[in-house]
């Protein structure tokens, strides 16, 4: 049997904090316990927020923690063709359509819908897509694209779910409500998710499943904030005929107010803690792994 493969996949849009350290250390510990491999992936598709100095800091902080990873490191910005190819496969199945509403227009549509009662929200609390771009004719879509109008490429969730029934995943960790074992996937709760935009041929949901497959990731260790998104990932894996990993979601470290840690919280930033005299062993104790 091949050794299990794990990955830690931060975005270089800020400095790492204790929550990142916890997840990275869990992945590193699992790789060591199972004689597995640990990969590092830099999820830098957001060109407006990701910066080279943050990426450099990721390498420095992880090395300081004593975490070793295989090289070369996969940087998503260098593999846009792989995501574009996956998007083309979904488009060939008739599951992708362009939606032209701006964020402000979507907010107005949601407000109009809510005049008749609450509008559905996804598991993260964002309103489901309220527009009707799915019903535009091919000629009208082409006309709008030819004008240079910005657009998002969305997954036709209803059509996609008809192609992939009975979805589930194997949860080795625990969901927010204690979910374990075989967990039913409910991707329909997310509505017509965005898979790409006019200027970027991918989104988090699309790129993460493509990367995990290409890197042979067998066990995904990540925070419970992504537990419900696993439903979308399982759907895309089935549609794209990608292998199914197992999942191990872990609890989140929170601040004194009960909020999950943010990259803007300097009091829990690894760089600040290190400058204040913290040690790698001390960090392990702070995150409950000492």
Protein backbone atom coordinates (compact mmCIF):
# COMPACT_ATOMS: atom_id res chain seq x y z
CA UNK A 1 0.00 0.00 0.00
CA UNK A 2 1.11 3.54 -0.69
CA UNK A 3 1.76 5.71 2.38
CA UNK A 4 -1.05 8.12 3.31
CA UNK A 5 -0.67 11.65 1.99
CA UNK A 6 -1.60 14.77 3.99
CA UNK A 7 -1.51 18.43 3.12
CA UNK A 8 -1.50 21.81 4.81
CA UNK A 9 -2.86 24.46 2.44
CA UNK A 10 -2.75 28.05 3.73
CA UNK A 11 -3.50 31.18 1.73
CA UNK A 12 -0.76 33.85 1.77
CA UNK A 13 -3.19 36.69 2.51
CA UNK A 14 -1.92 37.34 6.03
CA UNK A 15 0.38 35.97 8.70
CA UNK A 16 -0.29 32.60 10.33
CA UNK A 17 -1.90 32.46 13.77
CA UNK A 18 -2.38 29.79 16.42
CA UNK A 19 -5.29 28.23 14.53
CA UNK A 20 -3.07 27.64 11.53
CA UNK A 21 -0.37 26.22 13.80
CA UNK A 22 -2.88 23.79 15.28
CA UNK A 23 -3.98 22.49 11.87
CA UNK A 24 -0.43 22.32 10.51
CA UNK A 25 0.80 20.44 13.59
CA UNK A 26 -2.13 18.00 13.41
CA UNK A 27 -1.27 17.23 9.78
CA UNK A 28 2.40 16.86 10.62
CA UNK A 29 1.64 14.59 13.58
CA UNK A 30 -0.68 12.41 11.49
CA UNK A 31 1.94 12.07 8.77
CA UNK A 32 4.56 11.02 11.32
CA UNK A 33 2.23 8.61 13.15
CA UNK A 34 1.23 6.85 9.93
CA UNK A 35 4.63 6.97 8.18
CA UNK A 36 2.89 9.16 5.63
CA UNK A 37 3.84 12.14 3.50
CA UNK A 38 3.14 15.81 4.25
CA UNK A 39 2.71 18.28 1.40
CA UNK A 40 2.48 22.05 1.58
CA UNK A 41 0.20 23.85 -0.85
CA UNK A 42 0.01 27.63 -1.28
CA UNK A 43 -3.54 28.62 -2.19
CA UNK A 44 -2.83 31.94 -3.87
CA UNK A 45 -5.55 32.28 -6.48
CA UNK A 46 -6.73 35.58 -4.91
CA UNK A 47 -4.27 37.90 -6.62
CA UNK A 48 -5.64 40.99 -4.88
CA UNK A 49 -5.00 39.76 -1.31
CA UNK A 50 -2.11 37.29 -1.57
CA UNK A 51 1.39 38.73 -1.18
CA UNK A 52 4.90 37.30 -1.53
CA UNK A 53 5.89 38.43 1.97
CA UNK A 54 3.06 36.40 3.49
CA UNK A 55 4.14 33.33 1.56
CA UNK A 56 7.71 33.74 2.76
CA UNK A 57 6.43 34.09 6.32
CA UNK A 58 4.47 30.83 5.99
CA UNK A 59 7.68 28.93 5.20
CA UNK A 60 9.50 30.63 8.07
CA UNK A 61 6.77 29.99 10.64
CA UNK A 62 6.26 26.34 9.71
CA UNK A 63 10.00 25.65 9.75
CA UNK A 64 10.25 27.33 13.17
CA UNK A 65 7.51 25.02 14.44
CA UNK A 66 9.64 22.07 13.34
CA UNK A 67 7.33 21.02 10.51
CA UNK A 68 8.95 19.44 7.45
CA UNK A 69 7.22 19.12 4.09
CA UNK A 70 8.04 17.73 0.70
CA UNK A 71 9.20 19.95 -2.12
CA UNK A 72 8.44 21.41 -4.55
CA UNK A 73 5.55 23.30 -3.01
CA UNK A 74 2.45 23.51 -5.20
CA UNK A 75 1.35 27.10 -5.80
CA UNK A 76 -2.13 27.34 -7.24
CA UNK A 77 -1.35 30.42 -9.33
CA UNK A 78 1.04 28.26 -11.37
CA UNK A 79 -1.60 25.68 -12.27
CA UNK A 80 -4.56 27.63 -13.64
CA UNK A 81 -4.68 25.42 -16.72
CA UNK A 82 -5.57 22.40 -14.56
CA UNK A 83 -8.53 24.23 -13.05
CA UNK A 84 -9.62 25.53 -16.45
CA UNK A 85 -9.60 21.98 -17.79
CA UNK A 86 -11.82 20.79 -14.92
CA UNK A 87 -14.18 23.69 -15.51
CA UNK A 88 -14.37 22.78 -19.20
CA UNK A 89 -15.33 19.20 -18.25
CA UNK A 90 -18.19 20.47 -16.10
CA UNK A 91 -19.25 22.86 -18.86
CA UNK A 92 -19.32 19.99 -21.35
CA UNK A 93 -21.82 18.28 -19.04
CA UNK A 94 -24.07 21.34 -19.23
CA UNK A 95 -23.56 22.14 -15.55
CA UNK A 96 -22.00 25.62 -15.73
CA UNK A 97 -23.58 28.94 -16.65
CA UNK A 98 -22.47 32.60 -16.49
CA UNK A 99 -24.26 34.94 -14.10
CA UNK A 100 -23.83 38.66 -14.67
CA UNK A 101 -25.22 40.25 -11.51
CA UNK A 102 -22.85 42.33 -9.40
CA UNK A 103 -22.65 41.85 -5.64
CA UNK A 104 -24.80 44.96 -5.20
CA UNK A 105 -27.41 43.62 -7.62
CA UNK A 106 -27.49 40.29 -5.82
CA UNK A 107 -28.03 42.11 -2.52
CA UNK A 108 -30.98 43.99 -4.05
CA UNK A 109 -32.44 40.75 -5.41
CA UNK A 110 -32.17 39.11 -2.01
CA UNK A 111 -33.86 42.08 -0.37
CA UNK A 112 -36.70 41.86 -2.91
CA UNK A 113 -37.10 38.13 -2.30
CA UNK A 114 -37.19 38.68 1.45
CA UNK A 115 -40.16 40.99 1.09
CA UNK A 116 -42.13 37.74 0.84
CA UNK A 117 -40.29 35.95 3.67
CA UNK A 118 -36.80 34.78 4.65
CA UNK A 119 -34.51 33.90 1.75
CA UNK A 120 -32.49 30.70 2.10
CA UNK A 121 -28.92 30.94 3.37
CA UNK A 122 -26.04 28.54 2.83
CA UNK A 123 -24.32 26.83 5.80
CA UNK A 124 -21.97 29.82 6.12
CA UNK A 125 -24.91 32.20 6.37
CA UNK A 126 -24.64 33.79 2.92
CA UNK A 127 -27.83 34.07 0.84
CA UNK A 128 -28.23 31.56 -1.97
CA UNK A 129 -27.93 32.95 -5.48
CA UNK A 130 -31.28 34.66 -6.20
CA UNK A 131 -30.87 35.46 -9.89
CA UNK A 132 -32.26 33.89 -13.05
CA UNK A 133 -29.14 33.84 -15.25
CA UNK A 134 -29.54 30.08 -15.58
CA UNK A 135 -32.56 30.68 -17.84
CA UNK A 136 -30.81 33.09 -20.23
CA UNK A 137 -30.59 31.88 -23.82
CA UNK A 138 -27.23 31.00 -25.29
CA UNK A 139 -27.48 34.01 -27.62
CA UNK A 140 -28.15 36.38 -24.71
CA UNK A 141 -25.24 34.94 -22.73
CA UNK A 142 -22.92 35.36 -25.71
CA UNK A 143 -24.15 38.92 -26.24
CA UNK A 144 -23.43 39.89 -22.64
CA UNK A 145 -20.01 38.26 -22.69
CA UNK A 146 -19.16 40.06 -25.95
CA UNK A 147 -19.93 43.40 -24.28
CA UNK A 148 -17.15 42.71 -21.80
CA UNK A 149 -19.52 42.50 -18.85
CA UNK A 150 -18.05 40.83 -15.75
CA UNK A 151 -19.56 37.50 -14.78
CA UNK A 152 -19.26 34.56 -12.44
CA UNK A 153 -19.46 30.98 -13.65
CA UNK A 154 -21.89 29.10 -11.42
CA UNK A 155 -22.68 25.43 -10.97
CA UNK A 156 -26.24 24.44 -11.84
CA UNK A 157 -26.71 22.72 -8.51
CA UNK A 158 -30.04 21.06 -9.27
CA UNK A 159 -28.72 19.51 -12.49
CA UNK A 160 -25.47 18.50 -10.80
CA UNK A 161 -27.26 16.79 -7.93
CA UNK A 162 -29.33 14.77 -10.38
CA UNK A 163 -26.07 13.32 -11.70
CA UNK A 164 -24.72 12.43 -8.26
CA UNK A 165 -27.26 10.96 -5.85
CA UNK A 166 -26.62 9.40 -2.47
CA UNK A 167 -23.41 11.31 -1.78
CA UNK A 168 -21.59 10.90 1.52
CA UNK A 169 -18.11 10.98 3.00
CA UNK A 170 -16.15 9.14 5.67
CA UNK A 171 -15.55 11.44 8.64
CA UNK A 172 -12.70 10.36 10.90
CA UNK A 173 -12.83 13.52 12.97
CA UNK A 174 -15.94 15.33 14.10
CA UNK A 175 -18.35 17.85 12.64
CA UNK A 176 -19.69 20.91 14.50
CA UNK A 177 -22.60 18.85 15.83
CA UNK A 178 -20.58 15.73 16.56
CA UNK A 179 -21.05 14.13 13.13
CA UNK A 180 -18.82 11.09 12.62
CA UNK A 181 -18.55 8.04 10.40
CA UNK A 182 -20.51 8.07 7.15
CA UNK A 183 -21.91 11.59 6.76
CA UNK A 184 -24.60 12.32 4.13
CA UNK A 185 -23.56 15.10 1.77
CA UNK A 186 -26.08 17.87 1.10
CA UNK A 187 -24.55 20.09 -1.59
CA UNK A 188 -27.97 21.53 -2.47
CA UNK A 189 -27.74 23.58 0.74
CA UNK A 190 -25.15 25.76 -1.02
CA UNK A 191 -27.22 26.68 -4.07
CA UNK A 192 -25.52 27.54 -7.36
CA UNK A 193 -21.98 28.02 -6.07
CA UNK A 194 -19.39 30.03 -7.98
CA UNK A 195 -16.78 27.88 -9.73
CA UNK A 196 -14.84 30.66 -11.47
CA UNK A 197 -15.01 34.28 -12.55
CA UNK A 198 -14.32 36.05 -15.80
CA UNK A 199 -10.83 37.03 -14.66
CA UNK A 200 -10.02 33.89 -12.64
CA UNK A 201 -10.64 30.37 -14.03
CA UNK A 202 -11.25 28.81 -10.62
CA UNK A 203 -12.62 29.20 -7.12
CA UNK A 204 -11.73 27.63 -3.80
CA UNK A 205 -14.20 24.77 -4.24
CA UNK A 206 -12.96 23.83 -7.70
CA UNK A 207 -9.23 24.24 -7.12
CA UNK A 208 -9.18 22.35 -3.83
CA UNK A 209 -10.72 19.18 -5.26
CA UNK A 210 -8.49 19.31 -8.34
CA UNK A 211 -5.36 19.82 -6.24
CA UNK A 212 -6.24 17.10 -3.75
CA UNK A 213 -6.68 14.63 -6.61
CA UNK A 214 -3.53 15.64 -8.49
CA UNK A 215 -1.48 15.47 -5.29
CA UNK A 216 -2.94 12.08 -4.25
CA UNK A 217 -4.16 13.44 -0.92
CA UNK A 218 -5.69 10.52 0.95
CA UNK A 219 -6.63 12.10 4.30
CA UNK A 220 -7.75 15.72 4.59
CA UNK A 221 -7.19 17.21 8.04
CA UNK A 222 -8.79 20.65 8.33
CA UNK A 223 -10.97 22.83 10.54
CA UNK A 224 -14.66 22.38 11.22
CA UNK A 225 -15.36 25.66 9.43
CA UNK A 226 -14.98 23.65 6.21
CA UNK A 227 -17.05 20.66 7.34
CA UNK A 228 -20.21 21.62 5.45
CA UNK A 229 -18.24 22.64 2.34
CA UNK A 230 -17.24 18.98 2.07
CA UNK A 231 -20.67 18.37 0.54
CA UNK A 232 -19.76 20.56 -2.43
CA UNK A 233 -16.34 18.94 -2.67
CA UNK A 234 -17.80 15.46 -2.75
CA UNK A 235 -20.19 16.53 -5.49
CA UNK A 236 -17.37 17.93 -7.62
CA UNK A 237 -15.25 14.84 -7.02
CA UNK A 238 -18.01 12.62 -8.35
CA UNK A 239 -18.79 14.86 -11.32
CA UNK A 240 -15.10 15.04 -12.28
CA UNK A 241 -14.49 11.36 -11.48
CA UNK A 242 -11.83 12.16 -8.92
CA UNK A 243 -10.80 9.84 -6.06
CA UNK A 244 -12.49 10.18 -2.69
CA UNK A 245 -10.26 10.98 0.29
CA UNK A 246 -11.26 10.53 3.91
CA UNK A 247 -11.81 13.61 6.06
CA UNK A 248 -10.74 14.48 9.57
CA UNK A 249 -12.24 17.80 10.65
CA UNK A 250 -10.96 19.29 13.88
CA UNK A 251 -12.28 21.87 16.30
CA UNK A 252 -11.39 25.54 15.92
CA UNK A 253 -9.35 27.64 18.29
CA UNK A 254 -11.37 30.67 19.36
CA UNK A 255 -10.68 34.01 20.99
CA UNK A 256 -12.07 35.17 24.31
CA UNK A 257 -15.27 36.29 22.58
CA UNK A 258 -15.86 32.84 21.09
CA UNK A 259 -14.92 33.90 17.55
CA UNK A 260 -12.61 31.75 15.44
CA UNK A 261 -9.13 33.19 15.15
CA UNK A 262 -8.45 35.67 12.39
CA UNK A 263 -5.26 36.66 10.61
CA UNK A 264 -5.95 40.21 11.79
CA UNK A 265 -5.66 39.18 15.46
CA UNK A 266 -2.06 40.05 16.30
CA UNK A 267 -2.27 38.64 19.82
CA UNK A 268 -2.45 35.12 18.40
CA UNK A 269 -0.10 35.62 15.44
CA UNK A 270 2.85 33.24 15.35
CA UNK A 271 5.29 36.00 14.44
CA UNK A 272 4.19 38.13 17.38
CA UNK A 273 4.30 35.20 19.78
CA UNK A 274 7.75 34.20 18.57
CA UNK A 275 9.00 37.78 18.98
CA UNK A 276 7.61 37.75 22.54
CA UNK A 277 9.73 34.70 23.37
CA UNK A 278 7.42 31.80 22.61
CA UNK A 279 9.00 28.46 21.73
CA UNK A 280 7.72 25.73 19.38
CA UNK A 281 7.07 23.56 22.44
CA UNK A 282 5.15 26.40 24.02
CA UNK A 283 3.02 26.78 20.89
CA UNK A 284 2.14 23.08 21.05
CA UNK A 285 0.97 23.56 24.62
CA UNK A 286 -1.05 26.66 23.71
CA UNK A 287 -2.97 24.74 21.05
CA UNK A 288 -3.50 21.70 23.26
CA UNK A 289 -0.93 19.38 21.70
CA UNK A 290 1.76 19.64 24.36
